[in-house]
């Protein structure tokens, strides 16, 4: 699963004028919420929204965070990703994988 930058921003998008400190606080709240909601599997997030915790880890790296892939995932998961998988991961069913593939088709170009 690749989660490159979403390029659907338009000129005058109010999101671009959001103060970085406010955006950072909201991002941290989102990450902490996802840490608390370990019942929301990454696959469930992918089916519903086309992104998951691992995408967030990729995005912080792309934004310049000084982590390798595993380090970024640890920041987002709040623990090493292997530990998270052992505690919370469930294997995907063929139906879930199909639903995820359909969901990813809805992502903006370049996402």
Protein backbone atom coordinates (compact mmCIF):
# COMPACT_ATOMS: atom_id res chain seq x y z
CA UNK A 1 0.00 0.00 0.00
CA UNK A 2 1.45 3.27 -1.03
CA UNK A 3 0.22 6.57 0.33
CA UNK A 4 1.90 9.37 -1.64
CA UNK A 5 0.97 13.00 -1.21
CA UNK A 6 -2.62 13.96 -1.93
CA UNK A 7 -2.41 16.55 -4.69
CA UNK A 8 -6.00 17.75 -4.71
CA UNK A 9 -5.24 21.03 -2.88
CA UNK A 10 -6.56 24.04 -4.75
CA UNK A 11 -5.57 27.70 -4.74
CA UNK A 12 -7.21 29.48 -1.85
CA UNK A 13 -7.78 26.28 0.13
CA UNK A 14 -8.37 27.50 3.72
CA UNK A 15 -6.44 24.50 5.00
CA UNK A 16 -3.27 26.14 3.69
CA UNK A 17 -3.85 29.17 5.93
CA UNK A 18 -4.32 27.08 9.07
CA UNK A 19 -1.66 27.93 11.64
CA UNK A 20 0.98 25.20 11.80
CA UNK A 21 0.72 24.95 15.59
CA UNK A 22 -3.03 24.39 15.34
CA UNK A 23 -2.59 21.83 12.57
CA UNK A 24 0.11 20.04 14.60
CA UNK A 25 -2.13 19.91 17.67
CA UNK A 26 -4.98 18.45 15.62
CA UNK A 27 -2.63 15.91 14.05
CA UNK A 28 -1.36 14.80 17.46
CA UNK A 29 -4.93 14.46 18.68
CA UNK A 30 -5.78 12.31 15.65
CA UNK A 31 -2.76 10.07 16.25
CA UNK A 32 -3.57 9.68 19.96
CA UNK A 33 -7.17 8.87 19.07
CA UNK A 34 -6.00 6.15 16.67
CA UNK A 35 -3.64 4.79 19.32
CA UNK A 36 -6.57 4.53 21.72
CA UNK A 37 -8.83 2.98 19.07
CA UNK A 38 -6.72 -0.09 18.34
CA UNK A 39 -9.99 -1.83 17.47
CA UNK A 40 -10.03 0.26 14.29
CA UNK A 41 -7.78 -1.89 12.15
CA UNK A 42 -5.58 -0.30 9.50
CA UNK A 43 -7.53 -2.24 6.91
CA UNK A 44 -10.80 -0.80 8.24
CA UNK A 45 -9.34 2.69 7.91
CA UNK A 46 -8.21 1.93 4.36
CA UNK A 47 -11.67 0.67 3.39
CA UNK A 48 -13.42 3.73 4.83
CA UNK A 49 -10.98 6.49 4.01
CA UNK A 50 -8.16 5.25 1.82
CA UNK A 51 -5.46 5.86 4.44
CA UNK A 52 -4.23 4.23 7.64
CA UNK A 53 -1.69 4.57 10.43
CA UNK A 54 1.09 3.43 8.11
CA UNK A 55 0.12 6.17 5.65
CA UNK A 56 0.44 8.73 8.43
CA UNK A 57 3.91 7.36 9.16
CA UNK A 58 4.81 7.69 5.47
CA UNK A 59 3.46 11.23 5.41
CA UNK A 60 5.49 12.43 8.39
CA UNK A 61 8.61 11.07 6.71
CA UNK A 62 7.71 12.80 3.44
CA UNK A 63 7.17 16.02 5.40
CA UNK A 64 10.74 15.80 6.69
CA UNK A 65 10.58 13.81 9.94
CA UNK A 66 14.03 12.31 10.56
CA UNK A 67 12.89 8.69 10.88
CA UNK A 68 13.26 5.56 8.84
CA UNK A 69 10.08 3.67 7.95
CA UNK A 70 9.99 1.69 11.20
CA UNK A 71 10.84 4.71 13.34
CA UNK A 72 7.99 6.70 11.81
CA UNK A 73 5.57 3.83 12.39
CA UNK A 74 6.66 3.67 16.03
CA UNK A 75 5.89 7.38 16.40
CA UNK A 76 2.39 6.86 15.01
CA UNK A 77 1.60 3.52 16.70
CA UNK A 78 3.12 4.56 20.03
CA UNK A 79 5.15 1.34 20.05
CA UNK A 80 7.19 -0.69 17.58
CA UNK A 81 4.95 -1.78 14.73
CA UNK A 82 5.73 -5.46 15.36
CA UNK A 83 4.48 -5.07 18.93
CA UNK A 84 1.35 -3.33 17.65
CA UNK A 85 0.76 -6.14 15.14
CA UNK A 86 1.16 -8.83 17.80
CA UNK A 87 -1.30 -7.08 20.12
CA UNK A 88 -3.93 -5.78 17.74
CA UNK A 89 -3.58 -6.98 14.13
CA UNK A 90 -6.19 -9.29 12.60
CA UNK A 91 -5.68 -11.02 9.27
CA UNK A 92 -7.68 -9.55 6.41
CA UNK A 93 -10.39 -11.52 4.70
CA UNK A 94 -10.57 -11.64 0.90
CA UNK A 95 -13.70 -9.48 1.11
CA UNK A 96 -11.86 -6.83 3.15
CA UNK A 97 -8.98 -6.78 0.69
CA UNK A 98 -11.43 -6.34 -2.18
CA UNK A 99 -13.21 -3.51 -0.32
CA UNK A 100 -9.85 -1.82 0.33
CA UNK A 101 -8.91 -2.03 -3.36
CA UNK A 102 -12.24 -0.39 -4.28
CA UNK A 103 -11.72 2.31 -1.66
CA UNK A 104 -8.24 3.15 -2.92
CA UNK A 105 -9.71 3.80 -6.37
CA UNK A 106 -11.61 6.75 -4.82
CA UNK A 107 -8.44 8.49 -3.61
CA UNK A 108 -7.42 11.74 -5.29
CA UNK A 109 -4.94 11.42 -8.16
CA UNK A 110 -1.43 11.02 -6.86
CA UNK A 111 -2.61 9.78 -3.47
